[in-house]
N, C-alpha and C. Protein backbone atom coordinates (compact mmCIF):
# COMPACT_ATOMS: atom_id res chain seq x y z
N MET A 1 164.66 118.54 110.53
CA MET A 1 164.83 119.58 109.49
C MET A 1 166.30 119.71 109.76
N PHE A 2 166.35 120.23 110.82
CA PHE A 2 167.98 120.51 111.09
C PHE A 2 169.01 119.59 110.90
N THR A 3 168.75 118.34 111.22
CA THR A 3 169.48 117.39 110.80
C THR A 3 169.97 116.85 109.38
N TRP A 4 168.65 116.56 109.08
CA TRP A 4 168.49 116.57 107.76
C TRP A 4 169.31 117.45 106.35
N LEU A 5 168.90 118.95 106.72
CA LEU A 5 169.61 119.87 105.76
C LEU A 5 170.85 120.18 106.51
N GLY A 6 171.66 120.03 107.37
CA GLY A 6 172.82 120.03 108.13
C GLY A 6 173.53 118.93 107.52
N GLY A 7 172.88 117.74 107.45
CA GLY A 7 173.61 116.52 106.60
C GLY A 7 173.82 116.79 105.44
N LEU A 8 173.01 117.11 104.73
CA LEU A 8 173.07 117.74 103.00
C LEU A 8 174.32 118.76 102.87
N LYS A 9 174.74 119.34 103.89
CA LYS A 9 175.55 120.33 103.77
C LYS A 9 177.01 120.05 104.05
N ILE A 10 177.13 118.63 104.90
CA ILE A 10 178.50 117.74 105.08
C ILE A 10 178.98 117.30 103.94
N PRO A 11 178.47 116.29 102.89
CA PRO A 11 178.82 115.79 101.70
C PRO A 11 179.03 117.14 100.28
N GLY A 12 178.36 118.05 100.84
CA GLY A 12 178.35 119.08 99.69
C GLY A 12 177.25 119.30 98.79
N VAL A 13 176.12 118.63 99.35
CA VAL A 13 175.17 118.29 98.06
C VAL A 13 173.79 119.33 98.80
N SER A 14 173.85 120.17 99.28
CA SER A 14 173.04 121.42 99.84
C SER A 14 172.75 122.02 99.01
N PRO A 15 171.53 122.68 98.46
CA PRO A 15 171.12 123.43 97.34
C PRO A 15 171.64 124.77 98.18
N ALA A 16 171.50 125.37 99.47
CA ALA A 16 171.53 126.27 100.15
C ALA A 16 173.43 126.79 100.03
N ALA A 17 174.06 125.61 99.68
CA ALA A 17 175.54 126.03 99.97
C ALA A 17 176.04 127.34 99.32
N ASP A 18 175.60 127.60 98.00
CA ASP A 18 176.28 128.85 97.70
C ASP A 18 175.76 130.35 98.31
N LEU A 19 174.83 130.40 98.97
CA LEU A 19 174.14 131.18 99.86
C LEU A 19 175.19 131.42 101.26
N VAL A 20 175.20 129.89 101.86
CA VAL A 20 175.65 130.08 102.78
C VAL A 20 177.22 130.45 102.68
N ALA A 21 178.17 130.15 101.72
CA ALA A 21 179.33 130.22 100.88
C ALA A 21 179.56 132.11 100.77
N SER A 22 178.75 132.39 100.53
CA SER A 22 178.46 133.95 100.01
C SER A 22 178.60 134.84 101.09
N THR A 23 178.19 134.35 102.24
CA THR A 23 177.92 135.03 103.80
C THR A 23 179.21 134.60 104.54
N ALA A 24 180.26 134.01 104.36
CA ALA A 24 180.90 133.49 104.99
C ALA A 24 182.33 134.09 104.45
N TYR A 25 182.67 135.10 104.51
CA TYR A 25 183.62 135.81 103.85
C TYR A 25 185.08 135.45 104.26
N PRO A 26 185.36 135.42 105.74
CA PRO A 26 186.55 135.15 106.07
C PRO A 26 186.98 133.81 105.96
N VAL A 27 185.87 132.84 105.86
CA VAL A 27 186.23 131.42 105.97
C VAL A 27 186.17 131.03 104.29
N PRO A 28 187.14 129.94 104.13
CA PRO A 28 186.75 129.08 102.83
C PRO A 28 185.53 128.50 102.76
N PRO A 29 184.33 128.57 101.76
CA PRO A 29 183.42 127.90 101.63
C PRO A 29 183.58 126.61 101.69
N GLU A 30 184.55 125.73 101.16
CA GLU A 30 184.46 124.34 101.19
C GLU A 30 184.96 123.90 102.66
N MET A 31 185.29 124.65 103.32
CA MET A 31 185.61 124.23 104.94
C MET A 31 183.91 124.50 105.54
N PHE A 32 183.94 126.06 105.37
CA PHE A 32 182.76 126.62 106.17
C PHE A 32 181.28 125.65 106.25
N VAL A 33 180.93 125.39 105.04
CA VAL A 33 179.51 124.95 104.74
C VAL A 33 179.58 123.16 105.45
N PRO A 34 180.88 122.49 105.18
CA PRO A 34 180.52 121.03 105.97
C PRO A 34 180.52 121.69 107.52
N VAL A 35 181.30 121.95 107.65
CA VAL A 35 181.74 122.76 109.04
C VAL A 35 180.07 123.14 109.98
N LEU A 36 179.32 123.79 109.27
CA LEU A 36 177.81 124.18 109.72
C LEU A 36 177.03 123.46 109.44
N GLY A 37 176.99 122.24 108.71
CA GLY A 37 176.34 121.33 108.69
C GLY A 37 176.74 120.39 110.04
N VAL A 38 177.89 120.12 110.29
CA VAL A 38 178.02 119.32 111.15
C VAL A 38 177.56 119.92 112.80
N TRP A 39 177.48 121.59 112.43
CA TRP A 39 176.97 122.04 113.65
C TRP A 39 175.34 121.96 113.70
N GLU A 40 174.93 122.04 112.55
CA GLU A 40 173.41 121.48 112.69
C GLU A 40 172.99 120.58 112.77
N ASP A 41 173.68 119.37 112.56
CA ASP A 41 173.15 118.19 112.75
C ASP A 41 172.68 117.81 114.54
N PRO A 42 173.72 118.38 115.41
CA PRO A 42 173.66 118.19 116.63
C PRO A 42 172.18 119.09 117.13
N ILE A 43 172.20 120.32 116.49
CA ILE A 43 170.61 121.00 117.01
C ILE A 43 169.51 119.85 117.15
N GLY A 44 169.14 119.30 115.41
CA GLY A 44 168.53 118.63 115.20
C GLY A 44 168.61 117.14 116.25
N LEU A 45 169.38 116.64 116.70
CA LEU A 45 169.41 115.58 117.53
C LEU A 45 169.41 115.77 119.03
N CYS A 46 169.53 117.26 119.39
CA CYS A 46 169.23 117.58 120.83
C CYS A 46 167.98 117.77 121.09
N LEU A 47 167.24 118.20 119.86
CA LEU A 47 165.76 118.09 120.24
C LEU A 47 164.96 117.24 120.34
N LEU A 48 165.44 115.94 120.13
CA LEU A 48 164.67 114.71 120.37
C LEU A 48 165.14 114.15 121.70
N HIS A 49 166.09 114.76 122.33
CA HIS A 49 166.05 113.85 123.75
C HIS A 49 166.24 115.35 124.78
N ARG A 50 164.82 115.15 125.63
CA ARG A 50 164.67 116.61 126.51
C ARG A 50 166.02 116.75 127.26
N PRO A 51 167.11 115.97 127.83
CA PRO A 51 167.99 116.74 128.54
C PRO A 51 168.68 117.40 127.87
N LEU A 52 169.14 117.17 126.84
CA LEU A 52 169.78 118.14 125.78
C LEU A 52 169.18 119.22 125.26
N ILE A 53 168.20 119.70 125.57
CA ILE A 53 167.55 120.40 124.80
C ILE A 53 168.03 121.87 124.86
N ARG A 54 168.55 122.46 126.49
CA ARG A 54 169.47 123.11 126.85
C ARG A 54 170.71 123.44 125.56
N VAL A 55 171.36 122.04 125.71
CA VAL A 55 172.46 122.00 124.79
C VAL A 55 172.32 122.71 123.55
N GLU A 56 171.10 122.33 122.86
CA GLU A 56 170.23 122.87 121.61
C GLU A 56 169.82 124.21 121.52
N PHE A 57 169.51 125.02 122.65
CA PHE A 57 169.13 126.16 123.01
C PHE A 57 170.62 126.79 122.83
N LEU A 58 171.63 126.62 123.44
CA LEU A 58 172.68 127.26 123.22
C LEU A 58 173.30 127.29 121.66
N LEU A 59 173.65 126.00 121.13
CA LEU A 59 173.72 125.77 119.65
C LEU A 59 172.72 126.74 118.79
N LEU A 60 171.85 126.52 118.59
CA LEU A 60 171.05 127.35 118.00
C LEU A 60 171.13 128.85 118.33
N ALA A 61 171.17 129.42 119.48
CA ALA A 61 171.50 131.08 119.56
C ALA A 61 172.81 131.23 119.01
N ILE A 62 173.58 130.57 118.98
CA ILE A 62 174.92 130.85 117.85
C ILE A 62 174.64 130.73 116.34
N GLN A 63 173.93 129.63 115.98
CA GLN A 63 173.81 129.58 114.45
C GLN A 63 172.60 130.45 114.19
N LEU A 64 171.70 131.21 114.91
CA LEU A 64 170.57 132.40 114.72
C LEU A 64 171.33 133.52 114.43
N LEU A 65 172.73 133.75 114.92
CA LEU A 65 173.33 135.17 114.09
C LEU A 65 173.51 135.00 112.60
N GLY A 66 174.34 133.69 112.54
CA GLY A 66 174.70 133.67 111.10
C GLY A 66 173.34 133.43 109.94
N THR A 67 172.12 133.09 110.80
CA THR A 67 170.99 132.96 109.91
C THR A 67 170.76 134.19 109.61
N PHE A 68 170.69 135.24 110.05
CA PHE A 68 170.34 136.50 109.93
C PHE A 68 171.69 137.61 109.15
N LEU A 69 172.58 136.63 109.01
CA LEU A 69 173.66 137.80 108.33
C LEU A 69 173.31 138.14 106.48
N PRO A 70 172.96 137.00 105.93
CA PRO A 70 172.25 137.42 104.34
C PRO A 70 171.29 138.43 104.62
N LEU A 71 170.61 138.81 105.17
CA LEU A 71 169.50 139.67 105.14
C LEU A 71 170.72 141.10 105.34
N VAL A 72 171.43 141.37 106.01
CA VAL A 72 172.19 142.49 105.82
C VAL A 72 173.50 142.50 105.16
N VAL A 73 173.98 141.14 105.05
CA VAL A 73 175.47 141.49 104.14
C VAL A 73 175.01 141.85 102.55
N ILE A 74 174.21 140.76 102.22
CA ILE A 74 173.73 140.56 100.59
C ILE A 74 172.51 141.00 100.48
N PRO A 75 172.24 141.97 100.67
CA PRO A 75 170.31 142.43 100.55
C PRO A 75 169.85 142.05 99.13
N LYS A 76 171.15 142.46 98.63
CA LYS A 76 170.68 141.93 96.91
C LYS A 76 170.16 141.07 96.28
N VAL A 77 171.04 139.83 97.06
CA VAL A 77 170.33 138.22 96.80
C VAL A 77 169.04 137.92 97.64
N VAL A 78 168.96 138.82 98.61
CA VAL A 78 167.80 138.39 99.40
C VAL A 78 166.51 139.02 99.36
N TYR A 79 166.63 140.21 98.69
CA TYR A 79 165.42 140.86 98.23
C TYR A 79 165.21 141.11 96.54
N VAL A 80 164.05 141.15 96.02
CA VAL A 80 163.92 141.61 94.98
C VAL A 80 163.27 143.05 95.07
N ILE A 81 162.38 143.08 96.14
CA ILE A 81 162.20 144.74 96.44
C ILE A 81 162.10 144.81 98.17
N PHE A 82 162.97 145.35 98.68
CA PHE A 82 163.46 145.43 100.09
C PHE A 82 162.30 146.24 100.91
N PRO A 83 161.31 145.88 101.86
CA PRO A 83 161.69 144.54 102.63
C PRO A 83 160.72 143.90 102.37
N TYR A 84 160.00 143.49 101.60
CA TYR A 84 159.06 142.52 101.67
C TYR A 84 158.95 141.78 100.42
N ALA A 85 159.49 141.59 99.25
CA ALA A 85 159.50 141.01 98.26
C ALA A 85 160.81 140.13 98.38
N LEU A 86 160.88 138.86 98.44
CA LEU A 86 162.07 137.96 98.85
C LEU A 86 162.25 137.29 97.68
N THR A 87 163.48 136.77 97.47
CA THR A 87 163.95 136.18 96.37
C THR A 87 163.91 134.59 97.11
N VAL A 88 164.07 133.72 95.86
CA VAL A 88 164.09 132.28 96.68
C VAL A 88 165.11 132.13 97.67
N GLU A 89 166.39 132.92 97.51
CA GLU A 89 167.01 132.49 98.70
C GLU A 89 166.75 133.46 100.12
N GLY A 90 165.77 134.18 99.73
CA GLY A 90 165.66 135.33 100.96
C GLY A 90 164.25 134.47 101.75
N GLN A 91 163.56 133.52 100.69
CA GLN A 91 162.35 132.98 101.48
C GLN A 91 162.92 131.46 102.09
N TYR A 92 164.14 131.19 101.81
CA TYR A 92 164.89 130.14 102.51
C TYR A 92 165.25 130.45 103.78
N ILE A 93 165.97 131.93 103.84
CA ILE A 93 166.29 132.51 105.08
C ILE A 93 164.85 132.40 105.77
N VAL A 94 164.24 133.41 105.38
CA VAL A 94 162.77 133.30 106.25
C VAL A 94 162.48 132.08 106.80
N ARG A 95 162.08 131.00 105.99
CA ARG A 95 162.02 129.63 106.45
C ARG A 95 162.70 129.19 107.73
N ASN A 96 163.98 129.41 107.29
CA ASN A 96 165.00 128.93 108.36
C ASN A 96 164.52 129.54 109.73
N LEU A 97 164.26 131.20 109.30
CA LEU A 97 163.99 132.21 110.82
C LEU A 97 163.02 131.04 111.70
N VAL A 98 161.68 130.90 110.69
CA VAL A 98 160.47 129.87 111.32
C VAL A 98 160.89 129.04 112.01
N ILE A 99 161.93 127.94 111.50
CA ILE A 99 161.99 126.93 112.26
C ILE A 99 163.07 127.25 113.41
N ILE A 100 163.76 127.99 113.54
CA ILE A 100 164.53 128.64 114.40
C ILE A 100 163.75 128.91 115.54
N ALA A 101 162.70 129.86 115.36
CA ALA A 101 161.68 130.47 116.34
C ALA A 101 161.03 128.94 116.82
N ALA A 102 160.48 128.24 116.01
CA ALA A 102 159.78 126.75 116.39
C ALA A 102 160.72 126.20 117.64
N ALA A 103 161.96 125.97 117.25
CA ALA A 103 163.12 125.49 118.16
C ALA A 103 163.01 126.15 119.54
N LEU A 104 163.32 127.51 119.39
CA LEU A 104 163.55 127.82 120.55
C LEU A 104 161.87 128.23 121.59
N VAL A 105 160.76 128.22 120.91
CA VAL A 105 159.83 127.84 121.45
C VAL A 105 160.10 126.24 122.37
N ILE A 106 160.50 125.26 121.77
CA ILE A 106 160.77 124.35 122.33
C ILE A 106 161.67 124.41 123.44
N GLY A 107 162.71 125.00 123.12
CA GLY A 107 163.95 125.31 124.16
C GLY A 107 163.20 125.88 125.32
N GLY A 108 162.41 126.78 125.10
CA GLY A 108 161.96 127.65 126.24
C GLY A 108 160.98 126.85 127.35
N THR A 109 160.78 125.41 126.62
CA THR A 109 159.49 124.79 127.72
C THR A 109 160.47 123.98 128.76
N VAL A 110 161.86 124.24 128.53
CA VAL A 110 162.29 123.28 129.76
C VAL A 110 162.63 123.96 130.75
N ARG A 111 161.93 123.47 132.03
CA ARG A 111 162.34 124.42 132.92
C ARG A 111 163.21 123.36 134.16
N ASP A 112 163.70 124.44 135.28
CA ASP A 112 164.75 123.93 136.12
C ASP A 112 163.79 122.84 137.00
N GLU A 113 164.11 121.72 137.08
CA GLU A 113 163.74 120.63 137.92
C GLU A 113 164.29 120.49 139.34
N SER A 114 165.35 120.90 139.87
CA SER A 114 166.03 120.95 141.03
C SER A 114 164.94 121.86 141.95
């Protein structure tokens, strides 16, 4: 999911681009959205190779902060009725949080084998 959806952001064909752009105030959206896509692609690829799961965990932890931003920064876009009735954009964000939680669970299975 990360590699696929991140890959859509790079050429600018992601349906989430407007939502992402609206939360990245200090950075021009035409630069931020593709950079986010480039960030998300390795997260997905690291999940496929067990020795890289710790790298995925770090990348994911940083991305998690950005995923939460719209819930706070643009609540009118996220909620029809705060805090339980979500817009389509809000549903997209919550779905991302579920995917991130699943990736964190996978990352949490890595044990130090030394």
